[in-house]
Protein backbone atom coordinates (compact mmCIF):
# COMPACT_ATOMS: atom_id res chain seq x y z
CA MET A 1 52.59 14.85 8.49
CA ALA A 2 52.99 11.09 8.35
CA VAL A 3 51.14 10.67 11.64
CA CYS A 4 48.35 13.04 10.55
CA ILE A 5 47.97 11.26 7.20
CA LEU A 6 47.80 7.88 8.92
CA LEU A 7 45.30 9.12 11.52
CA GLY A 8 43.20 11.02 9.02
CA PHE A 9 42.93 8.55 6.19
CA GLY A 10 43.74 5.31 7.98
CA TRP A 11 41.47 5.84 11.00
CA ALA A 12 39.12 8.87 11.01
CA PHE A 13 38.12 8.41 7.36
CA TYR A 14 36.59 5.05 8.25
CA LEU A 15 34.69 6.09 11.39
CA PRO A 16 30.91 5.64 10.90
CA HIS A 17 30.16 9.22 11.96
CA GLY A 18 33.74 10.46 11.81
CA LEU A 19 33.46 13.73 9.92
CA ARG A 20 34.39 15.82 12.97
CA PRO A 21 37.54 13.80 13.89
CA PHE A 22 38.50 13.69 10.21
CA ILE A 23 38.27 17.47 9.87
CA ILE A 24 40.23 17.98 13.09
CA VAL A 25 43.02 15.68 11.89
CA LEU A 26 43.02 17.46 8.51
CA MET A 27 43.48 20.76 10.34
CA PHE A 28 46.64 19.41 11.97
CA LEU A 29 47.74 17.93 8.62
CA GLY A 30 47.51 21.39 7.08
CA PHE A 31 49.40 22.93 9.99
CA PHE A 32 52.28 20.44 9.82
CA GLY A 33 52.28 20.55 6.02
CA GLY A 34 53.53 24.14 6.06
CA ASN A 35 57.12 22.93 6.34
CA PHE A 36 57.45 22.79 2.55
CA ALA A 37 58.22 26.53 2.66
CA ILE A 38 61.64 25.66 4.10
CA PHE A 39 62.78 24.44 0.67
CA GLY A 40 63.08 28.05 -0.48
CA LEU A 41 65.50 28.73 2.35
CA TRP A 42 67.56 25.55 2.54
CA LEU A 43 67.90 24.27 -1.03
CA PRO A 44 69.56 27.33 -2.63
CA GLU A 45 72.38 27.15 -0.10
CA GLN A 46 73.40 23.75 -1.50
CA TYR A 47 74.54 25.04 -4.90
CA PRO A 48 77.12 27.50 -6.24
CA THR A 49 75.90 30.89 -7.43
CA SER A 50 76.48 30.05 -11.11
CA VAL A 51 73.86 27.28 -11.06
CA ARG A 52 71.78 28.17 -8.00
CA ALA A 53 68.55 29.16 -9.76
CA THR A 54 68.69 26.26 -12.21
CA ALA A 55 69.51 23.70 -9.52
CA PHE A 56 66.76 25.00 -7.24
CA ALA A 57 64.20 24.86 -10.06
CA PHE A 58 65.30 21.35 -11.03
CA THR A 59 65.15 19.94 -7.51
CA THR A 60 61.71 21.37 -6.76
CA SER A 61 60.29 20.45 -10.17
CA PHE A 62 61.69 16.91 -10.05
CA GLY A 63 59.56 16.27 -6.99
CA ARG A 64 56.49 17.51 -8.83
CA PHE A 65 57.10 15.14 -11.73
CA LEU A 66 57.55 12.29 -9.28
CA ALA A 67 54.35 13.28 -7.48
CA ALA A 68 52.41 13.21 -10.77
CA GLY A 69 53.39 9.57 -11.26
CA ILE A 70 52.50 8.78 -7.67
CA ASN A 71 49.05 10.31 -8.22
CA LEU A 72 48.47 7.90 -11.10
CA ALA A 73 49.60 4.99 -8.94
CA LEU A 74 47.36 6.21 -6.13
CA GLY A 75 44.39 6.25 -8.49
CA ALA A 76 45.16 2.68 -9.52
CA LEU A 77 45.32 1.65 -5.85
CA VAL A 78 41.96 3.30 -5.16
CA VAL A 79 40.41 1.28 -8.00
CA ARG A 80 42.11 -1.92 -6.85
CA MET A 81 41.28 -1.53 -3.13
CA GLY A 82 37.85 -0.02 -3.67
CA THR A 83 38.44 2.74 -1.12
CA LEU A 84 40.22 6.06 -0.86
CA GLY A 85 41.46 6.03 2.74
CA LYS A 86 43.97 3.18 2.75
CA PRO A 87 45.82 4.20 -0.45
CA VAL A 88 46.10 7.80 0.77
CA ALA A 89 47.29 6.55 4.17
CA LEU A 90 50.08 4.67 2.37
CA THR A 91 51.50 7.99 1.18
CA ALA A 92 52.76 8.48 4.75
CA ILE A 93 55.57 6.08 3.82
CA ALA A 94 57.23 8.87 1.81
CA PHE A 95 57.50 11.01 4.95
CA GLY A 96 59.02 8.09 6.85
CA VAL A 97 61.65 7.73 4.13
CA GLY A 98 62.29 11.48 4.40
CA LEU A 99 62.90 11.17 8.12
CA LEU A 100 65.44 8.42 7.47
CA ALA A 101 67.23 10.68 4.95
CA ILE A 102 67.67 13.62 7.35
CA PRO A 103 70.97 12.39 8.87
CA PHE A 104 72.51 12.41 5.39
CA ALA A 105 71.47 16.02 4.61
CA MET A 106 74.13 18.72 4.46
CA GLU A 107 74.12 21.19 7.36
CA THR A 108 74.61 24.77 6.15
CA LYS A 109 74.33 26.64 9.45
CA GLY A 110 77.37 28.88 9.84
CA ALA A 111 78.88 27.76 6.51
CA THR A 112 79.68 30.20 3.70
CA LEU A 113 77.69 29.83 0.52
CA PRO A 114 79.49 28.12 -2.36
CA ASP A 115 80.71 30.56 -5.00
């Protein structure tokens, strides 16, 4: 997703007649963005049964609250920079941070669920 966001909004968005490349990159962005469905499979395995639903709801909702604040900051950047493409392209940083966090994630394959 980070690569597609950078290509779409950092490059194709600024092409003089770049609607076709922009739409093509957005198609790939949508395809690679489907990985958010994995949260419903992986996150519940991290918590004991007694708090599983609450913990899952908290972790997914926390990200939404954070994203709301980022949207406000993004709007401020659009006003400050006078363009939409570069501020949206900067959101790719979040996916880079996510890639750096992967080695610290708990592997649940083959493990029993916590009681």
